[in-house]
Amino acid sequence: MPRAFYHFTCEHRARSIQRSLELRPNRHPLLGHWLVWLTDLPQPDRWGLGLTSNWLTCDRTAVRVSVQPTDDIVRWSAWALWHKVPPVMLDVLHENARPEHWWVATVPLRISDVAAATSRGLRRTS
């Protein structure tokens, strides 16, 4: 398991994450499940991580939130298998992406750090 996990988000969402000191699951619009999406990549890969903002106007790569490993974090591929995500849905989600770097959790996760060069006013939590 990686030594740290990362969640990339926009500046306005980062502020609420920092206030709560945790990442909370959000309902995925296609899967219908509540998930926290993470990666083992410390630098954002907009296409590889599905952070293209095709439906959002904010920069979802502006801020990096770090969390420490817990037993609640599992590989996306394992979660998808356990939850019988249909192959056609996997094809849609994986297109031009790097799902081997995707991890998920279904419970809130305590954050260890919030940092970004473009996020003035955010302070480190660790």
Foldseek 3Di string as FASTA:
>chain_A
DAFKKKFFAFQVVVVVCVVVQKDWFDQDPVPRATKRKIFSDPADDCQQRVVVCPPHDTRRRAKMWMAGDDPQKAQPVVVCVVVVPDPVVVCVVRVSYNSRGIIIGRGMTGTQFMDGPRHPPDDTPD
